[in-house]
Amino acid sequence: MKAMQLQAAGTPLHLVKLPDPVPGRGQILVKVSACAVCRTDLHVVDGDLPDPKLPLIPGHEIVGTVIGLGAGATRFHVGDRVGIPWLGWTCGTCAHCRSGRENLCDRAEFTGYHRDGGYAELTVADERFAFAIPASYADAEAAPLLCAGLIGHRALEMAGGGHRLGIYGFGAAAHIIAQIARYEGREIYAFVRPGDDDAAAFARRTGADWAGPSDQPGPEPLDAALIFAPAGELVPAALKATAKGGTVVCAGIHMSDIPAFPYDLLWGERILRSVANLTRRDAEAFLDLAPKAGVKSAVSVRPLSEANAALAELRAGNILGAAVLRP
């Protein structure tokens, strides 16, 4: 099979030809039809996340068709369409797993980080951590749902039910979650990089009531804020823009250092919290909700061989919505 492979952190991916993977016990072999490009992929490739499996095939927003079954695999059948997300395996026995918090499992393995992912023609996955894709979505449209959507929705739930929602960084996750927030009847305030008129216009088209620069408060105090951009300096800005009793959620797996800020920004029972990974329950709930809410993914599709170019565009902040690779 052909794949885009990371051979050393901080270097471009290489287009390589590898033996076809063989599914192990409880695994499925999947012919990849689409894999979205996530900011987490960028953090893996750039070396922001430590100790990836090397060499590594990145990619964890995978949609494809089951073409083979390992011993004991019974959840899916050959010909089924499945999605494969970031969470690839958990131990099932630790205190976190046993208490419904498998996203915090210390031994967890993640797709496109500890396990080869979807920047390839074929991949394998533990069938317990793969999911049926709603029939209403084409392959490329479904791919961003598998991380931008899943983890974004977990962040939205962690923010509580406040009416005025701020979203910092209007990329793949934000444009999906804004549609969910609109479906829930919330007001949406999009905070983008100062001077990024294209991102502000995209946010308004996606349902934001207001869009403006992230270095200034919005027109109304926020009940909650989601930070998708990996910029630590946005934490004090979001706290400043959030009303007493509100919640600020850091929704990325990596963020630059948060600068010191006066206690007054946190005082007033404001809550600052992070979101880590996802659970299978998150996936099932969101993939049921997305078609009901009419979520549409804005995607730009490109061939697998252009993975480096797609990552470069994402690094520069030049992608509106999500880039999707098609083998």
Protein backbone atom coordinates (compact mmCIF):
# COMPACT_ATOMS: atom_id res chain seq x y z
CA MET A 1 0.00 0.00 0.00
CA LYS A 2 0.98 3.66 -0.37
CA ALA A 3 1.21 5.85 2.72
CA MET A 4 2.55 9.19 3.90
CA GLN A 5 5.01 8.34 6.67
CA LEU A 6 6.66 10.42 9.40
CA GLN A 7 10.22 9.20 9.87
CA ALA A 8 11.50 11.86 12.28
CA ALA A 9 9.69 14.61 14.18
CA GLY A 10 10.02 18.00 12.58
CA THR A 11 10.58 16.63 9.07
CA PRO A 12 8.22 16.34 6.09
CA LEU A 13 6.24 13.19 5.52
CA HIS A 14 7.55 10.71 2.95
CA LEU A 15 5.40 8.97 0.35
CA VAL A 16 6.30 5.30 0.79
CA LYS A 17 5.13 1.90 -0.34
CA LEU A 18 4.60 -0.55 2.53
CA PRO A 19 3.28 -4.10 2.91
CA ASP A 20 -0.46 -4.23 3.41
CA PRO A 21 -1.29 -4.36 7.14
CA VAL A 22 -2.79 -7.55 8.56
CA PRO A 23 -5.56 -7.29 11.16
CA GLY A 24 -4.81 -8.94 14.50
CA ARG A 25 -7.25 -10.46 16.96
CA GLY A 26 -10.30 -8.25 17.35
CA GLN A 27 -9.15 -5.89 14.60
CA ILE A 28 -10.62 -4.83 11.27
CA LEU A 29 -8.77 -4.07 8.04
CA VAL A 30 -10.11 -0.87 6.48
CA LYS A 31 -9.69 0.53 2.98
CA VAL A 32 -9.34 4.26 3.63
CA SER A 33 -11.57 6.50 1.54
CA ALA A 34 -10.98 9.79 3.40
CA CYS A 35 -8.84 11.08 6.27
CA ALA A 36 -9.19 14.62 7.55
CA VAL A 37 -6.12 16.65 8.51
CA CYS A 38 -6.29 17.63 12.19
CA ARG A 39 -4.24 20.13 14.15
CA THR A 40 -3.20 17.24 16.38
CA ASP A 41 -1.53 15.68 13.33
CA LEU A 42 0.44 18.91 13.04
CA HIS A 43 1.50 18.71 16.68
CA VAL A 44 2.68 15.12 16.13
CA VAL A 45 4.58 15.95 12.94
CA ASP A 46 6.15 19.10 14.38
CA GLY A 47 7.26 17.34 17.56
CA ASP A 48 5.01 19.23 19.98
CA LEU A 49 3.68 15.89 21.28
CA PRO A 50 6.46 13.67 22.65
CA ASP A 51 7.45 10.10 21.80
CA PRO A 52 5.28 9.14 18.83
CA LYS A 53 5.73 5.70 17.33
CA LEU A 54 8.35 6.09 14.61
CA PRO A 55 8.17 5.57 11.75
CA LEU A 56 4.51 6.59 11.89
CA ILE A 57 1.57 7.00 9.55
CA PRO A 58 -0.39 10.00 10.94
CA GLY A 59 -4.12 10.59 10.69
CA HIS A 60 -7.01 9.87 13.05
CA GLU A 61 -10.15 11.17 11.33
CA ILE A 62 -10.57 8.14 9.12
CA VAL A 63 -13.52 6.97 7.06
CA GLY A 64 -13.33 3.75 5.08
CA THR A 65 -14.75 0.36 4.25
CA VAL A 66 -14.08 -2.87 6.13
CA ILE A 67 -12.33 -5.31 3.79
CA GLY A 68 -10.98 -7.85 6.29
CA LEU A 69 -11.54 -9.22 9.78
CA GLY A 70 -9.01 -10.44 12.31
CA ALA A 71 -9.64 -13.48 14.48
CA GLY A 72 -12.56 -12.92 16.83
CA ALA A 73 -13.73 -9.70 15.15
CA THR A 74 -17.54 -9.79 14.95
CA ARG A 75 -18.78 -6.22 15.45
CA PHE A 76 -18.60 -5.28 11.76
CA HIS A 77 -18.92 -7.12 8.48
CA VAL A 78 -16.92 -6.87 5.29
CA GLY A 79 -18.43 -4.00 3.29
CA ASP A 80 -19.46 -1.91 6.32
CA ARG A 81 -18.47 1.75 6.35
CA VAL A 82 -16.71 2.79 9.55
CA GLY A 83 -15.02 5.75 11.18
CA ILE A 84 -11.80 5.48 13.17
CA PRO A 85 -11.07 8.29 15.69
CA TRP A 86 -8.14 9.41 17.87
CA LEU A 87 -8.80 6.97 20.73
CA GLY A 88 -7.48 3.64 19.47
CA TRP A 89 -7.25 1.43 22.57
CA THR A 90 -7.58 1.58 26.36
CA CYS A 91 -6.69 -0.93 29.07
CA GLY A 92 -10.24 -1.28 30.39
CA THR A 93 -8.99 -2.10 33.90
CA CYS A 94 -7.57 1.09 35.45
CA ALA A 95 -9.55 3.37 37.75
CA HIS A 96 -10.22 5.81 34.93
CA CYS A 97 -11.53 3.15 32.55
CA ARG A 98 -13.67 1.54 35.25
CA SER A 99 -15.25 4.89 36.16
CA GLY A 100 -16.33 5.85 32.62
CA ARG A 101 -13.30 8.07 31.99
CA GLU A 102 -11.39 5.97 29.49
CA ASN A 103 -10.23 9.20 27.85
CA LEU A 104 -7.85 9.57 30.82
CA CYS A 105 -6.42 6.03 30.69
CA ASP A 106 -2.67 6.23 31.33
CA ARG A 107 -2.03 3.32 28.98
CA ALA A 108 -4.27 4.53 26.17
CA GLU A 109 -3.03 4.27 22.60
CA PHE A 110 -4.02 6.83 20.01
CA THR A 111 -4.51 6.48 16.26
CA GLY A 112 -1.89 8.32 14.23
CA TYR A 113 0.34 8.68 17.31
CA HIS A 114 0.94 5.30 18.95
CA ARG A 115 -0.74 3.35 16.15
CA ASP A 116 -0.49 3.88 12.40
CA GLY A 117 -3.33 6.04 11.12
CA GLY A 118 -5.16 7.03 7.99
CA TYR A 119 -2.69 8.87 5.76
CA ALA A 120 -2.60 5.62 3.79
CA GLU A 121 -4.58 3.40 1.47
CA LEU A 122 -5.21 0.84 4.21
CA THR A 123 -5.25 0.79 8.00
CA VAL A 124 -6.21 -1.54 10.86
CA ALA A 125 -8.16 -0.70 14.00
CA ASP A 126 -9.51 -2.35 17.12
CA GLU A 127 -13.14 -2.94 16.20
CA ARG A 128 -14.28 -1.78 19.66
CA PHE A 129 -12.97 1.72 18.90
CA ALA A 130 -14.48 2.09 15.43
CA PHE A 131 -17.96 3.43 14.68
CA ALA A 132 -20.66 3.28 12.05
CA ILE A 133 -20.94 6.51 10.04
CA PRO A 134 -24.37 8.14 9.53
CA ALA A 135 -25.60 7.36 6.02
CA SER A 136 -26.38 11.01 5.28
CA TYR A 137 -22.68 11.95 5.14
CA ALA A 138 -20.35 11.42 2.22
CA ASP A 139 -16.95 10.02 3.18
CA ALA A 140 -15.06 13.33 2.97
CA GLU A 141 -17.79 15.21 4.86
CA ALA A 142 -17.82 12.62 7.64
CA ALA A 143 -14.06 12.58 8.23
CA PRO A 144 -13.80 15.84 10.26
CA LEU A 145 -16.59 14.66 12.54
CA LEU A 146 -14.24 12.04 13.97
CA CYS A 147 -12.07 14.46 15.94
CA ALA A 148 -13.02 18.08 15.24
CA GLY A 149 -16.61 17.06 15.89
CA LEU A 150 -16.15 14.50 18.66
CA ILE A 151 -13.73 16.38 20.86
CA GLY A 152 -15.33 19.71 20.01
CA HIS A 153 -18.67 18.41 21.23
CA ARG A 154 -17.11 17.08 24.43
CA ALA A 155 -15.70 20.58 24.99
CA LEU A 156 -19.11 22.13 24.36
CA GLU A 157 -20.70 19.86 26.95
CA MET A 158 -17.96 20.70 29.46
CA ALA A 159 -18.79 24.38 28.98
CA GLY A 160 -22.28 23.88 30.38
CA GLY A 161 -25.55 25.23 29.08
CA GLY A 162 -24.77 28.95 28.95
CA HIS A 163 -26.53 30.96 26.26
CA ARG A 164 -23.71 33.25 25.07
CA LEU A 165 -20.88 31.07 23.78
CA GLY A 166 -17.48 32.38 22.72
CA ILE A 167 -15.32 30.35 20.34
CA TYR A 168 -11.62 31.19 20.03
CA GLY A 169 -9.98 29.94 16.84
CA PHE A 170 -12.51 29.30 14.07
CA GLY A 171 -11.18 26.22 12.30
CA ALA A 172 -12.34 22.65 11.78
CA ALA A 173 -13.72 22.03 15.28
CA ALA A 174 -15.26 25.47 15.66
CA HIS A 175 -17.20 25.41 12.40
CA ILE A 176 -18.80 22.09 13.38
CA ILE A 177 -19.52 22.99 17.00
CA ALA A 178 -20.96 26.36 16.04
CA GLN A 179 -23.64 24.47 14.13
CA ILE A 180 -24.41 22.33 17.17
CA ALA A 181 -24.57 25.43 19.38
CA ARG A 182 -26.90 27.11 16.89
CA TYR A 183 -29.10 23.99 16.90
CA GLU A 184 -29.23 24.26 20.70
CA GLY A 185 -30.37 27.88 20.46
CA ARG A 186 -27.20 29.56 21.75
CA GLU A 187 -25.69 32.87 20.68
CA ILE A 188 -22.26 32.42 19.11
CA TYR A 189 -19.38 34.87 19.34
CA ALA A 190 -16.38 33.95 17.17
CA PHE A 191 -12.94 35.29 18.07
CA VAL A 192 -10.38 35.11 15.27
CA ARG A 193 -6.82 36.31 14.72
CA PRO A 194 -6.74 40.10 14.45
CA GLY A 195 -6.98 41.09 10.81
CA ASP A 196 -8.20 37.68 9.60
CA ASP A 197 -11.25 38.92 7.73
CA ASP A 198 -11.68 35.63 5.86
CA ALA A 199 -12.01 33.65 9.10
CA ALA A 200 -14.47 36.21 10.50
CA ALA A 201 -16.60 36.02 7.36
CA PHE A 202 -16.46 32.20 7.46
CA ALA A 203 -17.61 32.25 11.08
CA ARG A 204 -20.56 34.47 10.24
CA ARG A 205 -21.53 32.20 7.33
CA THR A 206 -21.40 29.22 9.67
CA GLY A 207 -23.85 30.81 12.10
CA ALA A 208 -21.90 33.14 14.39
CA ASP A 209 -23.91 36.12 15.62
CA TRP A 210 -20.72 38.16 15.89
CA ALA A 211 -17.12 37.71 14.76
CA GLY A 212 -14.17 39.86 15.76
CA PRO A 213 -10.53 39.94 16.89
CA SER A 214 -9.43 37.65 19.71
CA ASP A 215 -7.39 40.35 21.45
CA GLN A 216 -10.54 42.29 22.40
CA PRO A 217 -13.69 41.35 24.37
CA GLY A 218 -16.88 40.74 22.43
CA PRO A 219 -19.97 42.94 22.54
CA GLU A 220 -21.54 40.95 25.41
CA PRO A 221 -20.08 39.09 28.41
CA LEU A 222 -19.82 35.37 27.64
CA ASP A 223 -21.44 32.60 29.64
CA ALA A 224 -18.78 30.20 28.39
CA ALA A 225 -15.83 30.08 26.00
CA LEU A 226 -14.16 27.32 24.02
CA ILE A 227 -10.51 27.77 23.03
CA PHE A 228 -9.58 25.70 19.99
CA ALA A 229 -6.53 27.71 18.94
CA PRO A 230 -3.31 26.36 20.56
CA ALA A 231 -2.36 29.79 21.89
CA GLY A 232 -1.92 30.12 25.66
CA GLU A 233 -2.32 33.89 25.54
CA LEU A 234 -5.99 33.37 24.69
CA VAL A 235 -6.72 31.98 28.16
CA PRO A 236 -6.52 35.34 29.98
CA ALA A 237 -8.35 36.97 27.07
CA ALA A 238 -11.19 34.45 27.30
CA LEU A 239 -11.41 34.78 31.08
CA LYS A 240 -11.61 38.55 30.72
CA ALA A 241 -14.45 38.18 28.20
CA THR A 242 -16.39 35.70 30.36
CA ALA A 243 -18.93 36.73 32.97
CA LYS A 244 -18.78 35.68 36.63
CA GLY A 245 -19.69 32.04 37.05
CA GLY A 246 -18.73 31.25 33.45
CA THR A 247 -16.51 28.46 32.15
CA VAL A 248 -13.51 28.61 29.84
CA VAL A 249 -12.58 25.29 28.21
CA CYS A 250 -9.17 24.64 26.65
CA ALA A 251 -10.08 22.12 23.96
CA GLY A 252 -6.74 21.29 22.32
CA ILE A 253 -4.29 18.51 23.11
CA HIS A 254 -1.40 21.00 23.00
CA MET A 255 -1.18 24.69 23.82
CA SER A 256 1.64 27.19 24.19
CA ASP A 257 2.38 28.32 27.73
CA ILE A 258 -0.34 30.33 29.45
CA PRO A 259 1.04 33.69 30.60
CA ALA A 260 0.61 34.91 34.16
CA PHE A 261 -2.64 36.78 34.74
CA PRO A 262 -4.22 38.57 37.70
CA TYR A 263 -6.37 36.51 40.01
CA ASP A 264 -9.20 38.94 39.38
CA LEU A 265 -9.75 37.30 35.95
CA LEU A 266 -10.47 33.95 37.60
CA TRP A 267 -12.25 35.29 40.67
CA GLY A 268 -16.03 35.39 40.65
CA GLU A 269 -16.32 31.61 40.44
CA ARG A 270 -15.14 31.42 36.88
CA ILE A 271 -13.99 27.93 35.89
CA LEU A 272 -10.94 27.14 33.76
CA ARG A 273 -10.67 23.54 32.58
CA SER A 274 -9.26 21.33 29.86
CA VAL A 275 -10.69 18.58 27.70
CA ALA A 276 -8.60 15.45 27.13
CA ASN A 277 -9.25 13.05 24.27
CA LEU A 278 -12.66 11.37 23.98
CA THR A 279 -14.62 8.34 25.09
CA ARG A 280 -16.53 5.87 22.97
CA ARG A 281 -19.70 7.19 24.57
CA ASP A 282 -18.81 10.65 23.21
CA ALA A 283 -18.50 9.19 19.72
CA GLU A 284 -21.82 7.40 19.83
CA ALA A 285 -23.65 10.46 21.17
CA PHE A 286 -22.17 12.93 18.70
CA LEU A 287 -22.55 10.73 15.61
CA ASP A 288 -26.22 10.37 16.54
CA LEU A 289 -26.65 14.11 17.11
CA ALA A 290 -24.79 15.52 14.08
CA PRO A 291 -27.32 14.56 11.37
CA LYS A 292 -30.23 15.60 13.59
CA ALA A 293 -28.62 19.04 13.99
CA GLY A 294 -27.98 19.29 10.25
CA VAL A 295 -24.21 19.61 10.70
CA LYS A 296 -22.38 20.14 7.40
CA SER A 297 -18.60 19.95 7.13
CA ALA A 298 -16.80 22.50 4.95
CA VAL A 299 -14.01 20.46 3.39
CA SER A 300 -11.34 20.83 0.73
CA VAL A 301 -10.36 17.45 -0.70
CA ARG A 302 -6.90 16.73 -2.00
CA PRO A 303 -4.88 13.63 -2.89
CA LEU A 304 -2.92 11.75 -0.25
CA SER A 305 0.36 12.81 -1.84
CA GLU A 306 -0.40 16.44 -0.91
CA ALA A 307 -0.42 15.77 2.84
CA ASN A 308 2.63 17.97 3.45
CA ALA A 309 1.03 20.88 1.61
CA ALA A 310 -2.18 20.47 3.62
CA LEU A 311 -0.23 20.46 6.90
CA ALA A 312 1.65 23.58 5.80
CA GLU A 313 -1.61 25.38 5.05
CA LEU A 314 -2.99 24.37 8.44
CA ARG A 315 0.22 25.54 10.15
CA ALA A 316 -0.15 28.92 8.44
CA GLY A 317 -3.84 29.19 9.37
CA ASN A 318 -4.96 29.21 5.75
CA ILE A 319 -7.63 26.48 5.83
CA LEU A 320 -11.27 27.39 6.31
CA GLY A 321 -13.05 24.32 7.62
CA ALA A 322 -11.05 21.12 7.17
CA ALA A 323 -8.67 19.62 4.63
CA VAL A 324 -9.37 15.99 3.74
CA LEU A 325 -6.94 13.56 2.13
CA ARG A 326 -8.24 10.98 -0.31
CA PRO A 327 -6.00 8.02 -1.20
